[in-house]
């Protein structure tokens, strides 16, 4: 889940016309990096 560019199965992939956008699969990788930078 926290790997770079991981998006998961189609069940967790948002629709193409979503106003939020699918993203590049970087958000959770950034979360892990920030947590580890805080010794968490």
ModelCIF file with pLDDT and N, C-alpha, C, O atoms, coordinates in Angstrom:
data_MODEL
#
_entry.id   MODEL 
#
_entity.id                         1 
_entity.type                       polymer 
_entity.pdbx_number_of_molecules   1 
#
_entity_poly.entity_id                      1 
_entity_poly.type                           'polypeptide(L)' 
_entity_poly.nstd_linkage                   no 
_entity_poly.nstd_monomer                   no 
_entity_poly.pdbx_seq_one_letter_code       
;(UNK)(UNK)(UNK)(UNK)(UNK)(UNK)(UNK)(UNK)(UNK)(UNK)(UNK)(UNK)(UNK)(UNK)(UNK)(UNK)
(UNK)(UNK)(UNK)(UNK)(UNK)(UNK)(UNK)(UNK)(UNK)(UNK)(UNK)(UNK)(UNK)(UNK)(UNK)(UNK)
(UNK)(UNK)(UNK)(UNK)(UNK)(UNK)(UNK)(UNK)
;
_entity_poly.pdbx_seq_one_letter_code_can   XXXXXXXXXXXXXXXXXXXXXXXXXXXXXXXXXXXXXXXX 
_entity_poly.pdbx_strand_id                 A 
#
loop_
_entity_poly_seq.entity_id 
_entity_poly_seq.num 
_entity_poly_seq.mon_id 
_entity_poly_seq.hetero 
1 1  UNK n 
1 2  UNK n 
1 3  UNK n 
1 4  UNK n 
1 5  UNK n 
1 6  UNK n 
1 7  UNK n 
1 8  UNK n 
1 9  UNK n 
1 10 UNK n 
1 11 UNK n 
1 12 UNK n 
1 13 UNK n 
1 14 UNK n 
1 15 UNK n 
1 16 UNK n 
1 17 UNK n 
1 18 UNK n 
1 19 UNK n 
1 20 UNK n 
1 21 UNK n 
1 22 UNK n 
1 23 UNK n 
1 24 UNK n 
1 25 UNK n 
1 26 UNK n 
1 27 UNK n 
1 28 UNK n 
1 29 UNK n 
1 30 UNK n 
1 31 UNK n 
1 32 UNK n 
1 33 UNK n 
1 34 UNK n 
1 35 UNK n 
1 36 UNK n 
1 37 UNK n 
1 38 UNK n 
1 39 UNK n 
1 40 UNK n 
#
_struct_asym.id          A 
_struct_asym.entity_id   1 
#
loop_
_ma_qa_metric.id 
_ma_qa_metric.mode 
_ma_qa_metric.name 
_ma_qa_metric.software_group_id 
_ma_qa_metric.type 
1 global pLDDT . pLDDT 
2 local  pLDDT . pLDDT 
#
_ma_qa_metric_global.metric_id      1 
_ma_qa_metric_global.metric_value   65.47 
_ma_qa_metric_global.model_id       1 
_ma_qa_metric_global.ordinal_id     1 
#
loop_
_ma_qa_metric_local.label_asym_id 
_ma_qa_metric_local.label_comp_id 
_ma_qa_metric_local.label_seq_id 
_ma_qa_metric_local.metric_id 
_ma_qa_metric_local.metric_value 
_ma_qa_metric_local.model_id 
_ma_qa_metric_local.ordinal_id 
A UNK 1  2 85.00 1 1  
A UNK 2  2 85.00 1 2  
A UNK 3  2 78.00 1 3  
A UNK 4  2 71.00 1 4  
A UNK 5  2 64.00 1 5  
A UNK 6  2 66.00 1 6  
A UNK 7  2 62.00 1 7  
A UNK 8  2 61.00 1 8  
A UNK 9  2 48.00 1 9  
A UNK 10 2 43.00 1 10 
A UNK 11 2 38.00 1 11 
A UNK 12 2 40.00 1 12 
A UNK 13 2 39.00 1 13 
A UNK 14 2 39.00 1 14 
A UNK 15 2 42.00 1 15 
A UNK 16 2 41.00 1 16 
A UNK 17 2 40.00 1 17 
A UNK 18 2 41.00 1 18 
A UNK 19 2 37.00 1 19 
A UNK 20 2 38.00 1 20 
A UNK 21 2 39.00 1 21 
A UNK 22 2 45.00 1 22 
A UNK 23 2 52.00 1 23 
A UNK 24 2 56.00 1 24 
A UNK 25 2 66.00 1 25 
A UNK 26 2 78.00 1 26 
A UNK 27 2 82.00 1 27 
A UNK 28 2 87.00 1 28 
A UNK 29 2 84.00 1 29 
A UNK 30 2 87.00 1 30 
A UNK 31 2 89.00 1 31 
A UNK 32 2 89.00 1 32 
A UNK 33 2 88.00 1 33 
A UNK 34 2 89.00 1 34 
A UNK 35 2 90.00 1 35 
A UNK 36 2 88.00 1 36 
A UNK 37 2 87.00 1 37 
A UNK 38 2 88.00 1 38 
A UNK 39 2 87.00 1 39 
A UNK 40 2 90.00 1 40 
#
loop_
_atom_site.group_PDB 
_atom_site.id 
_atom_site.type_symbol 
_atom_site.label_atom_id 
_atom_site.label_alt_id 
_atom_site.label_comp_id 
_atom_site.label_asym_id 
_atom_site.label_entity_id 
_atom_site.label_seq_id 
_atom_site.pdbx_PDB_ins_code 
_atom_site.Cartn_x 
_atom_site.Cartn_y 
_atom_site.Cartn_z 
_atom_site.occupancy 
_atom_site.B_iso_or_equiv 
_atom_site.pdbx_formal_charge 
_atom_site.auth_seq_id 
_atom_site.auth_comp_id 
_atom_site.auth_asym_id 
_atom_site.auth_atom_id 
_atom_site.pdbx_PDB_model_num 
ATOM 1   N N  . UNK A 1 1  ? 0.821   -1.216 0.000   1.00 85.00 ? 1  UNK A N  1 
ATOM 2   C CA . UNK A 1 1  ? 0.000   0.000  0.000   1.00 85.00 ? 1  UNK A CA 1 
ATOM 3   C C  . UNK A 1 1  ? 0.849   1.257  0.000   1.00 85.00 ? 1  UNK A C  1 
ATOM 4   O O  . UNK A 1 1  ? 0.505   2.238  -0.659  1.00 85.00 ? 1  UNK A O  1 
ATOM 5   N N  . UNK A 1 2  ? 1.971   1.240  0.742   1.00 85.00 ? 2  UNK A N  1 
ATOM 6   C CA . UNK A 1 2  ? 2.787   2.448  0.872   1.00 85.00 ? 2  UNK A CA 1 
ATOM 7   C C  . UNK A 1 2  ? 3.936   2.491  -0.128  1.00 85.00 ? 2  UNK A C  1 
ATOM 8   O O  . UNK A 1 2  ? 4.823   3.336  -0.007  1.00 85.00 ? 2  UNK A O  1 
ATOM 9   N N  . UNK A 1 3  ? 3.935   1.596  -1.114  1.00 78.00 ? 3  UNK A N  1 
ATOM 10  C CA . UNK A 1 3  ? 4.961   1.640  -2.148  1.00 78.00 ? 3  UNK A CA 1 
ATOM 11  C C  . UNK A 1 3  ? 4.689   2.789  -3.111  1.00 78.00 ? 3  UNK A C  1 
ATOM 12  O O  . UNK A 1 3  ? 3.540   3.177  -3.325  1.00 78.00 ? 3  UNK A O  1 
ATOM 13  N N  . UNK A 1 4  ? 5.752   3.323  -3.681  1.00 71.00 ? 4  UNK A N  1 
ATOM 14  C CA . UNK A 1 4  ? 5.605   4.406  -4.654  1.00 71.00 ? 4  UNK A CA 1 
ATOM 15  C C  . UNK A 1 4  ? 4.845   3.907  -5.877  1.00 71.00 ? 4  UNK A C  1 
ATOM 16  O O  . UNK A 1 4  ? 5.140   2.834  -6.403  1.00 71.00 ? 4  UNK A O  1 
ATOM 17  N N  . UNK A 1 5  ? 3.864   4.689  -6.326  1.00 64.00 ? 5  UNK A N  1 
ATOM 18  C CA . UNK A 1 5  ? 3.069   4.439  -7.529  1.00 64.00 ? 5  UNK A CA 1 
ATOM 19  C C  . UNK A 1 5  ? 2.089   3.299  -7.363  1.00 64.00 ? 5  UNK A C  1 
ATOM 20  O O  . UNK A 1 5  ? 1.493   2.870  -8.351  1.00 64.00 ? 5  UNK A O  1 
ATOM 21  N N  . UNK A 1 6  ? 1.892   2.781  -6.141  1.00 66.00 ? 6  UNK A N  1 
ATOM 22  C CA . UNK A 1 6  ? 0.893   1.730  -5.959  1.00 66.00 ? 6  UNK A CA 1 
ATOM 23  C C  . UNK A 1 6  ? -0.496  2.336  -5.915  1.00 66.00 ? 6  UNK A C  1 
ATOM 24  O O  . UNK A 1 6  ? -0.720  3.340  -5.239  1.00 66.00 ? 6  UNK A O  1 
ATOM 25  N N  . UNK A 1 7  ? -1.430  1.729  -6.633  1.00 62.00 ? 7  UNK A N  1 
ATOM 26  C CA . UNK A 1 7  ? -2.800  2.223  -6.655  1.00 62.00 ? 7  UNK A CA 1 
ATOM 27  C C  . UNK A 1 7  ? -3.809  1.164  -6.247  1.00 62.00 ? 7  UNK A C  1 
ATOM 28  O O  . UNK A 1 7  ? -4.953  1.489  -5.930  1.00 62.00 ? 7  UNK A O  1 
ATOM 29  N N  . UNK A 1 8  ? -3.409  -0.075 -6.252  1.00 61.00 ? 8  UNK A N  1 
ATOM 30  C CA . UNK A 1 8  ? -4.319  -1.129 -5.837  1.00 61.00 ? 8  UNK A CA 1 
ATOM 31  C C  . UNK A 1 8  ? -5.173  -1.634 -6.970  1.00 61.00 ? 8  UNK A C  1 
ATOM 32  O O  . UNK A 1 8  ? -4.931  -1.340 -8.140  1.00 61.00 ? 8  UNK A O  1 
ATOM 33  N N  . UNK A 1 9  ? -6.177  -2.402 -6.598  1.00 48.00 ? 9  UNK A N  1 
ATOM 34  C CA . UNK A 1 9  ? -7.054  -3.007 -7.582  1.00 48.00 ? 9  UNK A CA 1 
ATOM 35  C C  . UNK A 1 9  ? -8.053  -1.988 -8.109  1.00 48.00 ? 9  UNK A C  1 
ATOM 36  O O  . UNK A 1 9  ? -8.137  -0.860 -7.623  1.00 48.00 ? 9  UNK A O  1 
ATOM 37  N N  . UNK A 1 10 ? -8.795  -2.409 -9.101  1.00 43.00 ? 10 UNK A N  1 
ATOM 38  C CA . UNK A 1 10 ? -9.785  -1.511 -9.691  1.00 43.00 ? 10 UNK A CA 1 
ATOM 39  C C  . UNK A 1 10 ? -10.857 -1.103 -8.695  1.00 43.00 ? 10 UNK A C  1 
ATOM 40  O O  . UNK A 1 10 ? -11.505 -0.070 -8.859  1.00 43.00 ? 10 UNK A O  1 
ATOM 41  N N  . UNK A 1 11 ? -11.047 -1.939 -7.635  1.00 38.00 ? 11 UNK A N  1 
ATOM 42  C CA . UNK A 1 11 ? -12.052 -1.597 -6.626  1.00 38.00 ? 11 UNK A CA 1 
ATOM 43  C C  . UNK A 1 11 ? -11.674 -0.334 -5.869  1.00 38.00 ? 11 UNK A C  1 
ATOM 44  O O  . UNK A 1 11 ? -12.549 0.367  -5.362  1.00 38.00 ? 11 UNK A O  1 
ATOM 45  N N  . UNK A 1 12 ? -10.360 -0.031 -5.783  1.00 40.00 ? 12 UNK A N  1 
ATOM 46  C CA . UNK A 1 12 ? -9.917  1.152  -5.057  1.00 40.00 ? 12 UNK A CA 1 
ATOM 47  C C  . UNK A 1 12 ? -9.464  2.260  -6.003  1.00 40.00 ? 12 UNK A C  1 
ATOM 48  O O  . UNK A 1 12 ? -8.969  3.290  -5.545  1.00 40.00 ? 12 UNK A O  1 
ATOM 49  N N  . UNK A 1 13 ? -9.622  2.069  -7.304  1.00 39.00 ? 13 UNK A N  1 
ATOM 50  C CA . UNK A 1 13 ? -9.222  3.093  -8.263  1.00 39.00 ? 13 UNK A CA 1 
ATOM 51  C C  . UNK A 1 13 ? -10.421 3.968  -8.587  1.00 39.00 ? 13 UNK A C  1 
ATOM 52  O O  . UNK A 1 13 ? -11.433 3.439  -9.045  1.00 39.00 ? 13 UNK A O  1 
ATOM 53  N N  . UNK A 1 14 ? -10.365 5.253  -8.378  1.00 39.00 ? 14 UNK A N  1 
ATOM 54  C CA . UNK A 1 14 ? -11.513 6.117  -8.620  1.00 39.00 ? 14 UNK A CA 1 
ATOM 55  C C  . UNK A 1 14 ? -11.837 6.221  -10.091 1.00 39.00 ? 14 UNK A C  1 
ATOM 56  O O  . UNK A 1 14 ? -11.008 5.933  -10.954 1.00 39.00 ? 14 UNK A O  1 
ATOM 57  N N  . UNK A 1 15 ? -13.039 6.631  -10.354 1.00 42.00 ? 15 UNK A N  1 
ATOM 58  C CA . UNK A 1 15 ? -13.477 6.762  -11.740 1.00 42.00 ? 15 UNK A CA 1 
ATOM 59  C C  . UNK A 1 15 ? -12.686 7.834  -12.461 1.00 42.00 ? 15 UNK A C  1 
ATOM 60  O O  . UNK A 1 15 ? -12.146 8.755  -11.848 1.00 42.00 ? 15 UNK A O  1 
ATOM 61  N N  . UNK A 1 16 ? -12.630 7.694  -13.779 1.00 41.00 ? 16 UNK A N  1 
ATOM 62  C CA . UNK A 1 16 ? -11.787 8.591  -14.581 1.00 41.00 ? 16 UNK A CA 1 
ATOM 63  C C  . UNK A 1 16 ? -12.266 10.029 -14.529 1.00 41.00 ? 16 UNK A C  1 
ATOM 64  O O  . UNK A 1 16 ? -11.458 10.953 -14.612 1.00 41.00 ? 16 UNK A O  1 
ATOM 65  N N  . UNK A 1 17 ? -13.581 10.232 -14.392 1.00 40.00 ? 17 UNK A N  1 
ATOM 66  C CA . UNK A 1 17 ? -14.094 11.606 -14.401 1.00 40.00 ? 17 UNK A CA 1 
ATOM 67  C C  . UNK A 1 17 ? -14.244 12.179 -12.996 1.00 40.00 ? 17 UNK A C  1 
ATOM 68  O O  . UNK A 1 17 ? -14.945 13.169 -12.786 1.00 40.00 ? 17 UNK A O  1 
ATOM 69  N N  . UNK A 1 18 ? -13.577 11.543 -12.044 1.00 41.00 ? 18 UNK A N  1 
ATOM 70  C CA . UNK A 1 18 ? -13.668 12.033 -10.671 1.00 41.00 ? 18 UNK A CA 1 
ATOM 71  C C  . UNK A 1 18 ? -13.069 13.425 -10.575 1.00 41.00 ? 18 UNK A C  1 
ATOM 72  O O  . UNK A 1 18 ? -11.991 13.666 -11.120 1.00 41.00 ? 18 UNK A O  1 
ATOM 73  N N  . UNK A 1 19 ? -13.743 14.353 -9.892  1.00 37.00 ? 19 UNK A N  1 
ATOM 74  C CA . UNK A 1 19 ? -13.182 15.694 -9.730  1.00 37.00 ? 19 UNK A CA 1 
ATOM 75  C C  . UNK A 1 19 ? -11.918 15.688 -8.892  1.00 37.00 ? 19 UNK A C  1 
ATOM 76  O O  . UNK A 1 19 ? -11.117 16.620 -8.960  1.00 37.00 ? 19 UNK A O  1 
ATOM 77  N N  . UNK A 1 20 ? -11.737 14.635 -8.099  1.00 38.00 ? 20 UNK A N  1 
ATOM 78  C CA . UNK A 1 20 ? -10.547 14.580 -7.276  1.00 38.00 ? 20 UNK A CA 1 
ATOM 79  C C  . UNK A 1 20 ? -9.343  14.162 -8.087  1.00 38.00 ? 20 UNK A C  1 
ATOM 80  O O  . UNK A 1 20 ? -8.227  14.604 -7.814  1.00 38.00 ? 20 UNK A O  1 
ATOM 81  N N  . UNK A 1 21 ? -9.552  13.317 -9.081  1.00 39.00 ? 21 UNK A N  1 
ATOM 82  C CA . UNK A 1 21 ? -8.441  12.826 -9.880  1.00 39.00 ? 21 UNK A CA 1 
ATOM 83  C C  . UNK A 1 21 ? -7.842  11.588 -9.259  1.00 39.00 ? 21 UNK A C  1 
ATOM 84  O O  . UNK A 1 21 ? -7.914  11.401 -8.044  1.00 39.00 ? 21 UNK A O  1 
ATOM 85  N N  . UNK A 1 22 ? -7.248  10.740 -10.082 1.00 45.00 ? 22 UNK A N  1 
ATOM 86  C CA . UNK A 1 22 ? -6.713  9.474  -9.598  1.00 45.00 ? 22 UNK A CA 1 
ATOM 87  C C  . UNK A 1 22 ? -5.387  9.638  -8.891  1.00 45.00 ? 22 UNK A C  1 
ATOM 88  O O  . UNK A 1 22 ? -5.010  8.784  -8.088  1.00 45.00 ? 22 UNK A O  1 
ATOM 89  N N  . UNK A 1 23 ? -4.666  10.717 -9.168  1.00 52.00 ? 23 UNK A N  1 
ATOM 90  C CA . UNK A 1 23 ? -3.361  10.886 -8.551  1.00 52.00 ? 23 UNK A CA 1 
ATOM 91  C C  . UNK A 1 23 ? -2.336  9.981  -9.186  1.00 52.00 ? 23 UNK A C  1 
ATOM 92  O O  . UNK A 1 23 ? -2.639  9.205  -10.092 1.00 52.00 ? 23 UNK A O  1 
ATOM 93  N N  . UNK A 1 24 ? -1.110  10.094 -8.695  1.00 56.00 ? 24 UNK A N  1 
ATOM 94  C CA . UNK A 1 24 ? -0.017  9.302  -9.255  1.00 56.00 ? 24 UNK A CA 1 
ATOM 95  C C  . UNK A 1 24 ? 0.433   8.203  -8.311  1.00 56.00 ? 24 UNK A C  1 
ATOM 96  O O  . UNK A 1 24 ? 1.497   7.617  -8.512  1.00 56.00 ? 24 UNK A O  1 
ATOM 97  N N  . UNK A 1 25 ? -0.355  7.913  -7.286  1.00 66.00 ? 25 UNK A N  1 
ATOM 98  C CA . UNK A 1 25 ? 0.032   6.875  -6.357  1.00 66.00 ? 25 UNK A CA 1 
ATOM 99  C C  . UNK A 1 25 ? 1.179   7.271  -5.450  1.00 66.00 ? 25 UNK A C  1 
ATOM 100 O O  . UNK A 1 25 ? 1.948   6.409  -5.025  1.00 66.00 ? 25 UNK A O  1 
ATOM 101 N N  . UNK A 1 26 ? 1.316   8.569  -5.137  1.00 78.00 ? 26 UNK A N  1 
ATOM 102 C CA . UNK A 1 26 ? 2.432   9.047  -4.328  1.00 78.00 ? 26 UNK A CA 1 
ATOM 103 C C  . UNK A 1 26 ? 2.006   9.437  -2.919  1.00 78.00 ? 26 UNK A C  1 
ATOM 104 O O  . UNK A 1 26 ? 2.850   9.545  -2.029  1.00 78.00 ? 26 UNK A O  1 
ATOM 105 N N  . UNK A 1 27 ? 0.714   9.650  -2.701  1.00 82.00 ? 27 UNK A N  1 
ATOM 106 C CA . UNK A 1 27 ? 0.253   10.192 -1.432  1.00 82.00 ? 27 UNK A CA 1 
ATOM 107 C C  . UNK A 1 27 ? 0.605   9.328  -0.238  1.00 82.00 ? 27 UNK A C  1 
ATOM 108 O O  . UNK A 1 27 ? 1.095   9.846  0.765   1.00 82.00 ? 27 UNK A O  1 
ATOM 109 N N  . UNK A 1 28 ? 0.370   8.018  -0.315  1.00 87.00 ? 28 UNK A N  1 
ATOM 110 C CA . UNK A 1 28 ? 0.647   7.144  0.819   1.00 87.00 ? 28 UNK A CA 1 
ATOM 111 C C  . UNK A 1 28 ? 2.137   6.948  1.016   1.00 87.00 ? 28 UNK A C  1 
ATOM 112 O O  . UNK A 1 28 ? 2.591   6.791  2.149   1.00 87.00 ? 28 UNK A O  1 
ATOM 113 N N  . UNK A 1 29 ? 2.910   6.953  -0.067  1.00 84.00 ? 29 UNK A N  1 
ATOM 114 C CA . UNK A 1 29 ? 4.365   6.879  0.064   1.00 84.00 ? 29 UNK A CA 1 
ATOM 115 C C  . UNK A 1 29 ? 4.894   8.108  0.794   1.00 84.00 ? 29 UNK A C  1 
ATOM 116 O O  . UNK A 1 29 ? 5.830   8.006  1.587   1.00 84.00 ? 29 UNK A O  1 
ATOM 117 N N  . UNK A 1 30 ? 4.304   9.262  0.532   1.00 87.00 ? 30 UNK A N  1 
ATOM 118 C CA . UNK A 1 30 ? 4.695   10.493 1.223   1.00 87.00 ? 30 UNK A CA 1 
ATOM 119 C C  . UNK A 1 30 ? 4.325   10.406 2.703   1.00 87.00 ? 30 UNK A C  1 
ATOM 120 O O  . UNK A 1 30 ? 5.085   10.860 3.559   1.00 87.00 ? 30 UNK A O  1 
ATOM 121 N N  . UNK A 1 31 ? 3.169   9.830  3.008   1.00 89.00 ? 31 UNK A N  1 
ATOM 122 C CA . UNK A 1 31 ? 2.758   9.665  4.406   1.00 89.00 ? 31 UNK A CA 1 
ATOM 123 C C  . UNK A 1 31 ? 3.788   8.832  5.164   1.00 89.00 ? 31 UNK A C  1 
ATOM 124 O O  . UNK A 1 31 ? 4.183   9.187  6.274   1.00 89.00 ? 31 UNK A O  1 
ATOM 125 N N  . UNK A 1 32 ? 4.220   7.726  4.565   1.00 89.00 ? 32 UNK A N  1 
ATOM 126 C CA . UNK A 1 32 ? 5.206   6.877  5.234   1.00 89.00 ? 32 UNK A CA 1 
ATOM 127 C C  . UNK A 1 32 ? 6.523   7.623  5.436   1.00 89.00 ? 32 UNK A C  1 
ATOM 128 O O  . UNK A 1 32 ? 7.146   7.517  6.492   1.00 89.00 ? 32 UNK A O  1 
ATOM 129 N N  . UNK A 1 33 ? 6.942   8.373  4.425   1.00 88.00 ? 33 UNK A N  1 
ATOM 130 C CA . UNK A 1 33 ? 8.184   9.123  4.552   1.00 88.00 ? 33 UNK A CA 1 
ATOM 131 C C  . UNK A 1 33 ? 8.128   10.167 5.650   1.00 88.00 ? 33 UNK A C  1 
ATOM 132 O O  . UNK A 1 33 ? 9.086   10.332 6.404   1.00 88.00 ? 33 UNK A O  1 
ATOM 133 N N  . UNK A 1 34 ? 6.991   10.882 5.745   1.00 89.00 ? 34 UNK A N  1 
ATOM 134 C CA . UNK A 1 34 ? 6.848   11.900 6.782   1.00 89.00 ? 34 UNK A CA 1 
ATOM 135 C C  . UNK A 1 34 ? 6.801   11.251 8.159   1.00 89.00 ? 34 UNK A C  1 
ATOM 136 O O  . UNK A 1 34 ? 7.405   11.757 9.105   1.00 89.00 ? 34 UNK A O  1 
ATOM 137 N N  . UNK A 1 35 ? 6.088   10.135 8.275   1.00 90.00 ? 35 UNK A N  1 
ATOM 138 C CA . UNK A 1 35 ? 6.013   9.439  9.562   1.00 90.00 ? 35 UNK A CA 1 
ATOM 139 C C  . UNK A 1 35 ? 7.393   8.974  10.020  1.00 90.00 ? 35 UNK A C  1 
ATOM 140 O O  . UNK A 1 35 ? 7.757   9.146  11.184  1.00 90.00 ? 35 UNK A O  1 
ATOM 141 N N  . UNK A 1 36 ? 8.151   8.390  9.113   1.00 88.00 ? 36 UNK A N  1 
ATOM 142 C CA . UNK A 1 36 ? 9.482   7.916  9.465   1.00 88.00 ? 36 UNK A CA 1 
ATOM 143 C C  . UNK A 1 36 ? 10.419  9.074  9.791   1.00 88.00 ? 36 UNK A C  1 
ATOM 144 O O  . UNK A 1 36 ? 11.297  8.938  10.642  1.00 88.00 ? 36 UNK A O  1 
ATOM 145 N N  . UNK A 1 37 ? 10.239  10.215 9.119   1.00 87.00 ? 37 UNK A N  1 
ATOM 146 C CA . UNK A 1 37 ? 11.065  11.381 9.424   1.00 87.00 ? 37 UNK A CA 1 
ATOM 147 C C  . UNK A 1 37 ? 10.810  11.891 10.844  1.00 87.00 ? 37 UNK A C  1 
ATOM 148 O O  . UNK A 1 37 ? 11.674  12.534 11.440  1.00 87.00 ? 37 UNK A O  1 
ATOM 149 N N  . UNK A 1 38 ? 9.618   11.601 11.387  1.00 88.00 ? 38 UNK A N  1 
ATOM 150 C CA . UNK A 1 38 ? 9.292   11.978 12.762  1.00 88.00 ? 38 UNK A CA 1 
ATOM 151 C C  . UNK A 1 38 ? 9.522   10.823 13.728  1.00 88.00 ? 38 UNK A C  1 
ATOM 152 O O  . UNK A 1 38 ? 9.008   10.839 14.846  1.00 88.00 ? 38 UNK A O  1 
ATOM 153 N N  . UNK A 1 39 ? 10.295  9.815  13.306  1.00 87.00 ? 39 UNK A N  1 
ATOM 154 C CA . UNK A 1 39 ? 10.559  8.617  14.123  1.00 87.00 ? 39 UNK A CA 1 
ATOM 155 C C  . UNK A 1 39 ? 9.272   7.877  14.450  1.00 87.00 ? 39 UNK A C  1 
ATOM 156 O O  . UNK A 1 39 ? 9.156   7.246  15.500  1.00 87.00 ? 39 UNK A O  1 
ATOM 157 N N  . UNK A 1 40 ? 8.311   7.958  13.543  1.00 90.00 ? 40 UNK A N  1 
ATOM 158 C CA . UNK A 1 40 ? 7.037   7.278  13.725  1.00 90.00 ? 40 UNK A CA 1 
ATOM 159 C C  . UNK A 1 40 ? 6.833   6.190  12.700  1.00 90.00 ? 40 UNK A C  1 
ATOM 160 O O  . UNK A 1 40 ? 5.804   5.515  12.712  1.00 90.00 ? 40 UNK A O  1 
#
